[in-house]
Amino acid sequence: MRYATGGGLTPAEQVERERIRLAAADRFAAGATRIEVAREFKVTPKTAGCWYRAWETGGVAALRSAGPLSRCRLDDRDLARLEAILRRGPGVYGWTDQRWTLARVAEVIRREFGVTYTLPGVWLLLDRNGWSCQLPARRAVERDDDAVAGWSEQGWPAVKPPRRPGAPGSVSSMRQGRA
């Protein structure tokens, strides 16, 4: 099984898994127990129990594959076009910096293809197609080190809450700390 990218099973693995479930249904019909089916098909007893309950209530049809739960709403041609759009950069769509965020990609997909995706859906779509979260390899040319240092010294202390006073205290609930 592959879960790291794209999740679930490949189409070939789905067909094989369905074949195993249908073979298990034949074994149930022949009188095999759940434990025997679990051993024979190398699955957990819980999985065999789920298959048995589905077979018992809905027959062989209940063990047939319903297909993938979600399909990509963009076809191969649309995905190739999206790839070209992403490679051109976000400046083409009016964003001033060169960062593709999930929200921006979702907006471009909505504009160009008329399809709405959630942010996690955009992440899965990009991940399946070989895109990943990237961090810059080096500092930006536009970076102002003096401004960063000034903010670290003056802006950050204004945002950060003050530390507790350094006076000794007591952890006892009966005796308060003495100064």
N, C-alpha and C. Protein backbone atom coordinates (compact mmCIF):
# COMPACT_ATOMS: atom_id res chain seq x y z
N MET A 1 0.84 -1.19 0.00
CA MET A 1 0.00 0.00 0.00
C MET A 1 0.87 1.24 0.00
N ARG A 2 0.42 2.24 -0.66
CA ARG A 2 1.17 3.48 -0.67
C ARG A 2 0.33 4.57 -0.04
N TYR A 3 0.86 5.18 0.98
CA TYR A 3 0.14 6.25 1.65
C TYR A 3 0.89 7.57 1.62
N ALA A 4 2.19 7.53 1.34
CA ALA A 4 3.00 8.74 1.47
C ALA A 4 2.55 9.84 0.52
N THR A 5 2.35 9.53 -0.74
CA THR A 5 1.89 10.54 -1.68
C THR A 5 0.66 10.02 -2.40
N GLY A 6 -0.39 10.79 -2.36
CA GLY A 6 -1.60 10.38 -3.06
C GLY A 6 -2.49 9.49 -2.23
N GLY A 7 -1.95 8.77 -1.29
CA GLY A 7 -2.73 7.96 -0.40
C GLY A 7 -3.39 6.77 -1.07
N GLY A 8 -3.82 5.80 -0.25
CA GLY A 8 -4.60 4.69 -0.74
C GLY A 8 -3.83 3.75 -1.64
N LEU A 9 -4.58 3.08 -2.52
CA LEU A 9 -4.02 2.07 -3.40
C LEU A 9 -3.99 2.57 -4.83
N THR A 10 -3.06 2.03 -5.60
CA THR A 10 -3.06 2.32 -7.03
C THR A 10 -4.23 1.58 -7.65
N PRO A 11 -4.64 1.93 -8.88
CA PRO A 11 -5.75 1.20 -9.52
C PRO A 11 -5.50 -0.31 -9.61
N ALA A 12 -4.27 -0.70 -9.92
CA ALA A 12 -3.96 -2.14 -10.00
C ALA A 12 -4.10 -2.80 -8.62
N GLU A 13 -3.66 -2.10 -7.58
CA GLU A 13 -3.79 -2.64 -6.22
C GLU A 13 -5.25 -2.70 -5.79
N GLN A 14 -6.08 -1.76 -6.25
CA GLN A 14 -7.51 -1.80 -5.93
C GLN A 14 -8.16 -3.03 -6.55
N VAL A 15 -7.79 -3.34 -7.80
CA VAL A 15 -8.34 -4.52 -8.47
C VAL A 15 -7.92 -5.78 -7.73
N GLU A 16 -6.65 -5.86 -7.34
CA GLU A 16 -6.16 -7.04 -6.61
C GLU A 16 -6.86 -7.17 -5.26
N ARG A 17 -7.06 -6.05 -4.57
CA ARG A 17 -7.73 -6.09 -3.26
C ARG A 17 -9.18 -6.55 -3.41
N GLU A 18 -9.85 -6.08 -4.47
CA GLU A 18 -11.22 -6.53 -4.72
C GLU A 18 -11.25 -8.03 -5.01
N ARG A 19 -10.28 -8.53 -5.78
CA ARG A 19 -10.21 -9.96 -6.07
C ARG A 19 -10.08 -10.77 -4.78
N ILE A 20 -9.27 -10.27 -3.85
CA ILE A 20 -9.10 -10.96 -2.57
C ILE A 20 -10.40 -10.95 -1.77
N ARG A 21 -11.10 -9.81 -1.74
CA ARG A 21 -12.38 -9.75 -1.01
C ARG A 21 -13.40 -10.71 -1.59
N LEU A 22 -13.47 -10.79 -2.93
CA LEU A 22 -14.43 -11.69 -3.57
C LEU A 22 -14.06 -13.15 -3.32
N ALA A 23 -12.76 -13.46 -3.28
CA ALA A 23 -12.33 -14.82 -2.94
C ALA A 23 -12.69 -15.13 -1.49
N ALA A 24 -12.58 -14.14 -0.62
CA ALA A 24 -12.97 -14.34 0.78
C ALA A 24 -14.47 -14.61 0.87
N ALA A 25 -15.26 -13.93 0.05
CA ALA A 25 -16.71 -14.17 0.05
C ALA A 25 -17.00 -15.61 -0.34
N ASP A 26 -16.26 -16.14 -1.32
CA ASP A 26 -16.44 -17.54 -1.72
C ASP A 26 -16.11 -18.47 -0.55
N ARG A 27 -15.06 -18.14 0.20
CA ARG A 27 -14.68 -18.97 1.36
C ARG A 27 -15.74 -18.89 2.46
N PHE A 28 -16.32 -17.67 2.67
CA PHE A 28 -17.40 -17.55 3.65
C PHE A 28 -18.59 -18.40 3.23
N ALA A 29 -18.91 -18.38 1.94
CA ALA A 29 -20.05 -19.17 1.43
C ALA A 29 -19.79 -20.66 1.61
N ALA A 30 -18.51 -21.06 1.56
CA ALA A 30 -18.16 -22.47 1.74
C ALA A 30 -18.11 -22.87 3.20
N GLY A 31 -18.32 -21.90 4.11
CA GLY A 31 -18.38 -22.22 5.52
C GLY A 31 -17.12 -21.92 6.32
N ALA A 32 -16.16 -21.23 5.73
CA ALA A 32 -14.94 -20.89 6.45
C ALA A 32 -15.23 -19.84 7.51
N THR A 33 -14.48 -19.90 8.59
CA THR A 33 -14.64 -18.92 9.66
C THR A 33 -13.83 -17.67 9.33
N ARG A 34 -14.07 -16.63 10.10
CA ARG A 34 -13.34 -15.38 9.90
C ARG A 34 -11.85 -15.56 10.17
N ILE A 35 -11.52 -16.34 11.17
CA ILE A 35 -10.11 -16.58 11.51
C ILE A 35 -9.41 -17.32 10.38
N GLU A 36 -10.09 -18.33 9.80
CA GLU A 36 -9.50 -19.07 8.68
C GLU A 36 -9.27 -18.15 7.48
N VAL A 37 -10.24 -17.31 7.19
CA VAL A 37 -10.11 -16.37 6.07
C VAL A 37 -8.98 -15.38 6.34
N ALA A 38 -8.88 -14.91 7.57
CA ALA A 38 -7.82 -13.97 7.92
C ALA A 38 -6.45 -14.61 7.70
N ARG A 39 -6.28 -15.86 8.13
CA ARG A 39 -5.00 -16.55 7.93
C ARG A 39 -4.72 -16.80 6.45
N GLU A 40 -5.73 -17.26 5.74
CA GLU A 40 -5.55 -17.62 4.33
C GLU A 40 -5.17 -16.41 3.46
N PHE A 41 -5.80 -15.27 3.73
CA PHE A 41 -5.57 -14.10 2.89
C PHE A 41 -4.61 -13.09 3.52
N LYS A 42 -4.02 -13.50 4.66
CA LYS A 42 -3.01 -12.68 5.34
C LYS A 42 -3.53 -11.27 5.65
N VAL A 43 -4.70 -11.22 6.29
CA VAL A 43 -5.27 -9.97 6.77
C VAL A 43 -5.54 -10.13 8.26
N THR A 44 -5.87 -9.03 8.92
CA THR A 44 -6.16 -9.10 10.35
C THR A 44 -7.55 -9.71 10.55
N PRO A 45 -7.77 -10.30 11.71
CA PRO A 45 -9.11 -10.82 12.00
C PRO A 45 -10.18 -9.74 11.94
N LYS A 46 -9.82 -8.51 12.30
CA LYS A 46 -10.78 -7.41 12.23
C LYS A 46 -11.21 -7.15 10.79
N THR A 47 -10.24 -7.16 9.85
CA THR A 47 -10.56 -6.97 8.44
C THR A 47 -11.46 -8.10 7.95
N ALA A 48 -11.11 -9.33 8.30
CA ALA A 48 -11.93 -10.48 7.89
C ALA A 48 -13.33 -10.36 8.48
N GLY A 49 -13.44 -9.85 9.71
CA GLY A 49 -14.75 -9.66 10.33
C GLY A 49 -15.58 -8.61 9.60
N CYS A 50 -14.92 -7.53 9.17
CA CYS A 50 -15.62 -6.49 8.39
C CYS A 50 -16.11 -7.06 7.08
N TRP A 51 -15.26 -7.83 6.42
CA TRP A 51 -15.66 -8.46 5.16
C TRP A 51 -16.84 -9.40 5.39
N TYR A 52 -16.78 -10.17 6.49
CA TYR A 52 -17.86 -11.12 6.77
C TYR A 52 -19.18 -10.41 7.00
N ARG A 53 -19.15 -9.35 7.79
CA ARG A 53 -20.40 -8.60 8.05
C ARG A 53 -20.96 -8.00 6.77
N ALA A 54 -20.08 -7.46 5.93
CA ALA A 54 -20.53 -6.89 4.66
C ALA A 54 -21.11 -7.98 3.77
N TRP A 55 -20.46 -9.13 3.71
CA TRP A 55 -20.95 -10.25 2.89
C TRP A 55 -22.27 -10.78 3.43
N GLU A 56 -22.36 -10.85 4.76
CA GLU A 56 -23.57 -11.38 5.39
C GLU A 56 -24.78 -10.49 5.13
N THR A 57 -24.58 -9.17 5.16
CA THR A 57 -25.73 -8.26 4.97
C THR A 57 -26.01 -7.93 3.51
N GLY A 58 -24.96 -7.86 2.67
CA GLY A 58 -25.18 -7.43 1.28
C GLY A 58 -24.72 -8.40 0.22
N GLY A 59 -24.23 -9.56 0.62
CA GLY A 59 -23.77 -10.54 -0.36
C GLY A 59 -22.46 -10.12 -1.01
N VAL A 60 -22.16 -10.77 -2.12
CA VAL A 60 -20.91 -10.52 -2.83
C VAL A 60 -20.85 -9.08 -3.33
N ALA A 61 -21.99 -8.51 -3.69
CA ALA A 61 -22.02 -7.13 -4.20
C ALA A 61 -21.48 -6.14 -3.17
N ALA A 62 -21.65 -6.43 -1.89
CA ALA A 62 -21.19 -5.52 -0.84
C ALA A 62 -19.66 -5.49 -0.75
N LEU A 63 -19.00 -6.51 -1.30
CA LEU A 63 -17.54 -6.55 -1.24
C LEU A 63 -16.89 -6.05 -2.53
N ARG A 64 -17.69 -5.67 -3.49
CA ARG A 64 -17.14 -5.11 -4.73
C ARG A 64 -16.64 -3.69 -4.48
N SER A 65 -15.64 -3.29 -5.23
CA SER A 65 -15.06 -1.95 -5.07
C SER A 65 -16.03 -0.90 -5.56
N ALA A 66 -16.13 0.18 -4.82
CA ALA A 66 -16.96 1.31 -5.22
C ALA A 66 -16.14 2.33 -6.00
N GLY A 67 -14.86 2.01 -6.25
CA GLY A 67 -13.99 2.93 -6.97
C GLY A 67 -13.33 3.91 -6.01
N PRO A 68 -12.47 4.76 -6.54
CA PRO A 68 -11.81 5.72 -5.67
C PRO A 68 -12.80 6.71 -5.08
N LEU A 69 -12.54 7.13 -3.85
CA LEU A 69 -13.46 8.05 -3.17
C LEU A 69 -13.45 9.43 -3.81
N SER A 70 -12.31 9.86 -4.26
CA SER A 70 -12.27 11.17 -4.91
C SER A 70 -11.36 11.08 -6.12
N ARG A 71 -11.79 11.71 -7.16
CA ARG A 71 -11.00 11.74 -8.37
C ARG A 71 -10.53 13.17 -8.60
N CYS A 72 -9.42 13.27 -9.26
CA CYS A 72 -8.90 14.60 -9.58
C CYS A 72 -9.88 15.27 -10.53
N ARG A 73 -10.25 16.48 -10.23
CA ARG A 73 -11.22 17.19 -11.07
C ARG A 73 -10.57 17.86 -12.27
N LEU A 74 -9.26 17.73 -12.38
CA LEU A 74 -8.54 18.25 -13.55
C LEU A 74 -8.02 17.06 -14.34
N ASP A 75 -8.24 17.06 -15.66
CA ASP A 75 -7.71 15.97 -16.47
C ASP A 75 -6.23 16.21 -16.77
N ASP A 76 -5.63 15.29 -17.52
CA ASP A 76 -4.19 15.38 -17.78
C ASP A 76 -3.82 16.67 -18.53
N ARG A 77 -4.66 17.09 -19.45
CA ARG A 77 -4.38 18.30 -20.21
C ARG A 77 -4.44 19.52 -19.28
N ASP A 78 -5.44 19.54 -18.38
CA ASP A 78 -5.54 20.64 -17.41
C ASP A 78 -4.35 20.67 -16.46
N LEU A 79 -3.90 19.48 -16.04
CA LEU A 79 -2.75 19.42 -15.14
C LEU A 79 -1.49 19.93 -15.83
N ALA A 80 -1.32 19.61 -17.12
CA ALA A 80 -0.17 20.12 -17.87
C ALA A 80 -0.25 21.64 -17.99
N ARG A 81 -1.47 22.15 -18.21
CA ARG A 81 -1.64 23.61 -18.30
C ARG A 81 -1.37 24.27 -16.95
N LEU A 82 -1.83 23.65 -15.85
CA LEU A 82 -1.55 24.17 -14.52
C LEU A 82 -0.05 24.19 -14.25
N GLU A 83 0.63 23.15 -14.67
CA GLU A 83 2.10 23.09 -14.51
C GLU A 83 2.75 24.29 -15.20
N ALA A 84 2.32 24.58 -16.42
CA ALA A 84 2.89 25.71 -17.16
C ALA A 84 2.57 27.03 -16.47
N ILE A 85 1.36 27.16 -15.93
CA ILE A 85 0.97 28.38 -15.22
C ILE A 85 1.84 28.58 -13.99
N LEU A 86 2.06 27.51 -13.22
CA LEU A 86 2.86 27.62 -12.01
C LEU A 86 4.31 27.96 -12.34
N ARG A 87 4.81 27.44 -13.42
CA ARG A 87 6.20 27.73 -13.80
C ARG A 87 6.38 29.19 -14.24
N ARG A 88 5.34 29.81 -14.78
CA ARG A 88 5.45 31.22 -15.18
C ARG A 88 5.53 32.14 -13.97
N GLY A 89 4.99 31.71 -12.85
CA GLY A 89 5.08 32.51 -11.63
C GLY A 89 3.81 33.29 -11.34
N PRO A 90 3.65 33.73 -10.10
CA PRO A 90 2.43 34.42 -9.68
C PRO A 90 2.33 35.85 -10.18
N GLY A 91 3.42 36.41 -10.69
CA GLY A 91 3.38 37.78 -11.19
C GLY A 91 2.42 37.95 -12.35
N VAL A 92 2.23 36.91 -13.13
CA VAL A 92 1.31 36.95 -14.28
C VAL A 92 -0.12 37.23 -13.81
N TYR A 93 -0.43 36.81 -12.59
CA TYR A 93 -1.79 36.99 -12.05
C TYR A 93 -1.91 38.19 -11.12
N GLY A 94 -0.89 39.03 -11.09
CA GLY A 94 -1.00 40.27 -10.35
C GLY A 94 -0.38 40.28 -8.97
N TRP A 95 0.17 39.19 -8.51
CA TRP A 95 0.82 39.19 -7.20
C TRP A 95 2.24 39.73 -7.38
N THR A 96 2.64 40.59 -6.46
CA THR A 96 3.92 41.28 -6.65
C THR A 96 5.13 40.43 -6.26
N ASP A 97 4.97 39.53 -5.31
CA ASP A 97 6.11 38.69 -4.95
C ASP A 97 6.05 37.37 -5.71
N GLN A 98 7.10 36.60 -5.62
CA GLN A 98 7.21 35.36 -6.39
C GLN A 98 6.93 34.13 -5.54
N ARG A 99 5.89 34.20 -4.70
CA ARG A 99 5.54 33.07 -3.85
C ARG A 99 4.22 32.48 -4.30
N TRP A 100 4.20 31.17 -4.54
CA TRP A 100 2.95 30.48 -4.76
C TRP A 100 2.48 29.96 -3.40
N THR A 101 1.37 30.46 -2.92
CA THR A 101 0.78 29.92 -1.70
C THR A 101 -0.37 29.02 -2.12
N LEU A 102 -0.85 28.20 -1.20
CA LEU A 102 -1.97 27.32 -1.52
C LEU A 102 -3.20 28.13 -1.91
N ALA A 103 -3.42 29.24 -1.21
CA ALA A 103 -4.58 30.08 -1.53
C ALA A 103 -4.46 30.66 -2.93
N ARG A 104 -3.27 31.06 -3.32
CA ARG A 104 -3.07 31.62 -4.65
C ARG A 104 -3.28 30.56 -5.73
N VAL A 105 -2.74 29.36 -5.49
CA VAL A 105 -2.92 28.28 -6.46
C VAL A 105 -4.40 27.93 -6.58
N ALA A 106 -5.11 27.89 -5.45
CA ALA A 106 -6.55 27.61 -5.48
C ALA A 106 -7.29 28.67 -6.28
N GLU A 107 -6.89 29.92 -6.11
CA GLU A 107 -7.52 31.02 -6.85
C GLU A 107 -7.26 30.90 -8.35
N VAL A 108 -6.04 30.54 -8.72
CA VAL A 108 -5.72 30.38 -10.14
C VAL A 108 -6.50 29.21 -10.74
N ILE A 109 -6.61 28.11 -10.00
CA ILE A 109 -7.38 26.96 -10.48
C ILE A 109 -8.84 27.36 -10.67
N ARG A 110 -9.37 28.14 -9.74
CA ARG A 110 -10.76 28.59 -9.85
C ARG A 110 -10.94 29.47 -11.07
N ARG A 111 -10.00 30.42 -11.28
CA ARG A 111 -10.11 31.34 -12.42
C ARG A 111 -9.95 30.62 -13.76
N GLU A 112 -8.92 29.80 -13.85
CA GLU A 112 -8.56 29.18 -15.13
C GLU A 112 -9.42 27.98 -15.51
N PHE A 113 -9.81 27.18 -14.51
CA PHE A 113 -10.50 25.93 -14.82
C PHE A 113 -11.93 25.89 -14.31
N GLY A 114 -12.33 26.88 -13.51
CA GLY A 114 -13.69 26.90 -12.97
C GLY A 114 -13.96 25.82 -11.94
N VAL A 115 -12.91 25.35 -11.29
CA VAL A 115 -13.02 24.27 -10.30
C VAL A 115 -12.54 24.82 -8.96
N THR A 116 -13.30 24.57 -7.90
CA THR A 116 -12.87 25.03 -6.59
C THR A 116 -12.23 23.88 -5.82
N TYR A 117 -11.14 24.20 -5.16
CA TYR A 117 -10.43 23.25 -4.32
C TYR A 117 -10.25 23.87 -2.94
N THR A 118 -10.29 23.03 -1.92
CA THR A 118 -9.93 23.49 -0.58
C THR A 118 -8.41 23.59 -0.52
N LEU A 119 -7.89 24.25 0.50
CA LEU A 119 -6.44 24.36 0.63
C LEU A 119 -5.79 22.98 0.80
N PRO A 120 -6.34 22.08 1.65
CA PRO A 120 -5.75 20.74 1.70
C PRO A 120 -5.86 20.01 0.37
N GLY A 121 -6.94 20.26 -0.38
CA GLY A 121 -7.08 19.64 -1.69
C GLY A 121 -6.04 20.12 -2.67
N VAL A 122 -5.71 21.42 -2.60
CA VAL A 122 -4.66 21.97 -3.46
C VAL A 122 -3.32 21.34 -3.08
N TRP A 123 -3.08 21.20 -1.78
CA TRP A 123 -1.83 20.60 -1.33
C TRP A 123 -1.70 19.17 -1.86
N LEU A 124 -2.77 18.37 -1.77
CA LEU A 124 -2.72 17.00 -2.28
C LEU A 124 -2.51 16.98 -3.79
N LEU A 125 -3.19 17.87 -4.50
CA LEU A 125 -3.03 17.95 -5.95
C LEU A 125 -1.59 18.28 -6.33
N LEU A 126 -1.01 19.27 -5.67
CA LEU A 126 0.37 19.65 -5.97
C LEU A 126 1.35 18.54 -5.58
N ASP A 127 1.11 17.90 -4.46
CA ASP A 127 1.99 16.83 -3.99
C ASP A 127 1.96 15.66 -4.96
N ARG A 128 0.76 15.27 -5.42
CA ARG A 128 0.64 14.18 -6.38
C ARG A 128 1.37 14.48 -7.69
N ASN A 129 1.49 15.74 -8.03
CA ASN A 129 2.10 16.12 -9.29
C ASN A 129 3.54 16.58 -9.14
N GLY A 130 4.16 16.26 -8.01
CA GLY A 130 5.58 16.48 -7.84
C GLY A 130 6.00 17.82 -7.28
N TRP A 131 5.08 18.67 -6.88
CA TRP A 131 5.44 19.95 -6.28
C TRP A 131 5.61 19.75 -4.79
N SER A 132 6.49 20.54 -4.19
CA SER A 132 6.70 20.41 -2.75
C SER A 132 6.86 21.79 -2.14
N CYS A 133 6.79 21.81 -0.81
CA CYS A 133 7.01 23.05 -0.08
C CYS A 133 8.49 23.39 -0.15
N GLN A 134 8.79 24.59 -0.58
CA GLN A 134 10.18 24.97 -0.75
C GLN A 134 10.54 26.13 0.15
N LEU A 135 11.74 26.11 0.64
CA LEU A 135 12.29 27.23 1.40
C LEU A 135 13.41 27.82 0.58
N PRO A 136 13.65 29.11 0.68
CA PRO A 136 14.70 29.71 -0.14
C PRO A 136 16.07 29.14 0.20
N ALA A 137 16.89 28.98 -0.82
CA ALA A 137 18.24 28.44 -0.63
C ALA A 137 19.18 29.50 -0.06
N ARG A 138 18.89 30.76 -0.32
CA ARG A 138 19.73 31.83 0.19
C ARG A 138 18.84 33.02 0.53
N ARG A 139 19.42 33.99 1.23
CA ARG A 139 18.66 35.17 1.61
C ARG A 139 18.32 36.02 0.39
N ALA A 140 17.18 36.67 0.48
CA ALA A 140 16.75 37.54 -0.61
C ALA A 140 17.66 38.74 -0.73
N VAL A 141 17.85 39.21 -1.93
CA VAL A 141 18.68 40.40 -2.18
C VAL A 141 18.06 41.61 -1.52
N GLU A 142 16.73 41.65 -1.46
CA GLU A 142 16.02 42.81 -0.92
C GLU A 142 16.06 42.88 0.60
N ARG A 143 16.58 41.87 1.27
CA ARG A 143 16.58 41.83 2.73
C ARG A 143 17.36 43.00 3.31
N ASP A 144 16.78 43.64 4.30
CA ASP A 144 17.42 44.77 4.97
C ASP A 144 17.81 44.32 6.37
N ASP A 145 19.08 43.97 6.56
CA ASP A 145 19.55 43.46 7.85
C ASP A 145 19.41 44.48 8.97
N ASP A 146 19.57 45.78 8.67
CA ASP A 146 19.43 46.82 9.68
C ASP A 146 17.99 46.89 10.19
N ALA A 147 17.02 46.77 9.28
CA ALA A 147 15.62 46.79 9.67
C ALA A 147 15.27 45.57 10.52
N VAL A 148 15.84 44.41 10.16
CA VAL A 148 15.60 43.19 10.94
C VAL A 148 16.18 43.36 12.34
N ALA A 149 17.40 43.88 12.44
CA ALA A 149 18.03 44.07 13.75
C ALA A 149 17.25 45.08 14.59
N GLY A 150 16.78 46.17 13.97
CA GLY A 150 15.99 47.16 14.70
C GLY A 150 14.70 46.59 15.22
N TRP A 151 14.05 45.78 14.41
CA TRP A 151 12.79 45.18 14.86
C TRP A 151 13.07 44.19 15.98
N SER A 152 14.15 43.42 15.87
CA SER A 152 14.48 42.44 16.91
C SER A 152 14.71 43.13 18.25
N GLU A 153 15.31 44.33 18.22
CA GLU A 153 15.62 45.02 19.46
C GLU A 153 14.44 45.82 20.00
N GLN A 154 13.61 46.39 19.13
CA GLN A 154 12.54 47.27 19.60
C GLN A 154 11.15 46.69 19.37
N GLY A 155 10.91 46.11 18.22
CA GLY A 155 9.56 45.60 17.92
C GLY A 155 9.24 44.32 18.66
N TRP A 156 10.20 43.40 18.70
CA TRP A 156 9.95 42.11 19.33
C TRP A 156 9.69 42.24 20.83
N PRO A 157 10.45 43.02 21.60
CA PRO A 157 10.13 43.14 23.02
C PRO A 157 8.73 43.71 23.28
N ALA A 158 8.23 44.53 22.36
CA ALA A 158 6.89 45.07 22.55
C ALA A 158 5.83 44.00 22.35
N VAL A 159 6.13 43.02 21.54
CA VAL A 159 5.18 41.94 21.26
C VAL A 159 5.31 40.82 22.28
N LYS A 160 6.53 40.50 22.64
CA LYS A 160 6.80 39.40 23.55
C LYS A 160 6.40 39.78 24.98
N PRO A 161 5.70 38.90 25.69
CA PRO A 161 5.32 39.23 27.06
C PRO A 161 6.56 39.25 27.97
N PRO A 162 6.53 40.07 29.02
CA PRO A 162 7.69 40.15 29.91
C PRO A 162 7.86 38.85 30.70
N ARG A 163 9.10 38.59 31.08
CA ARG A 163 9.38 37.40 31.89
C ARG A 163 8.92 37.64 33.33
N ARG A 164 8.74 36.55 34.03
CA ARG A 164 8.39 36.66 35.44
C ARG A 164 9.54 37.29 36.20
N PRO A 165 9.24 37.96 37.30
CA PRO A 165 10.34 38.54 38.09
C PRO A 165 11.25 37.44 38.64
N GLY A 166 12.49 37.80 38.85
CA GLY A 166 13.47 36.83 39.31
C GLY A 166 13.45 36.58 40.81
N ALA A 167 12.45 37.08 41.53
CA ALA A 167 12.39 36.89 42.98
C ALA A 167 12.15 35.42 43.30
N PRO A 168 12.77 34.92 44.36
CA PRO A 168 12.55 33.52 44.71
C PRO A 168 11.11 33.30 45.15
N GLY A 169 10.62 32.15 44.85
CA GLY A 169 9.26 31.82 45.23
C GLY A 169 9.22 30.44 45.86
N SER A 170 8.06 30.04 46.27
CA SER A 170 7.89 28.74 46.89
C SER A 170 6.93 27.93 46.06
N VAL A 171 7.17 26.64 45.98
CA VAL A 171 6.26 25.76 45.27
C VAL A 171 5.25 25.15 46.23
N SER A 172 5.41 25.44 47.49
CA SER A 172 4.50 24.90 48.50
C SER A 172 3.20 25.68 48.49
N SER A 173 2.09 24.97 48.60
CA SER A 173 0.80 25.65 48.67
C SER A 173 0.54 26.18 50.09
N MET A 174 1.33 25.72 51.08
CA MET A 174 1.11 26.13 52.45
C MET A 174 2.00 27.32 52.85
N ARG A 175 3.12 27.48 52.21
CA ARG A 175 4.06 28.50 52.64
C ARG A 175 4.41 29.38 51.44
N GLN A 176 4.12 30.63 51.55
CA GLN A 176 4.39 31.55 50.46
C GLN A 176 5.87 31.91 50.42
N GLY A 177 6.34 32.27 49.28
CA GLY A 177 7.75 32.62 49.12
C GLY A 177 8.09 33.89 49.90
N ARG A 178 9.31 33.97 50.36
CA ARG A 178 9.75 35.14 51.11
C ARG A 178 10.82 35.86 50.31
N ALA A 179 10.76 37.13 50.37
CA ALA A 179 11.70 37.94 49.60
C ALA A 179 12.94 38.25 50.37
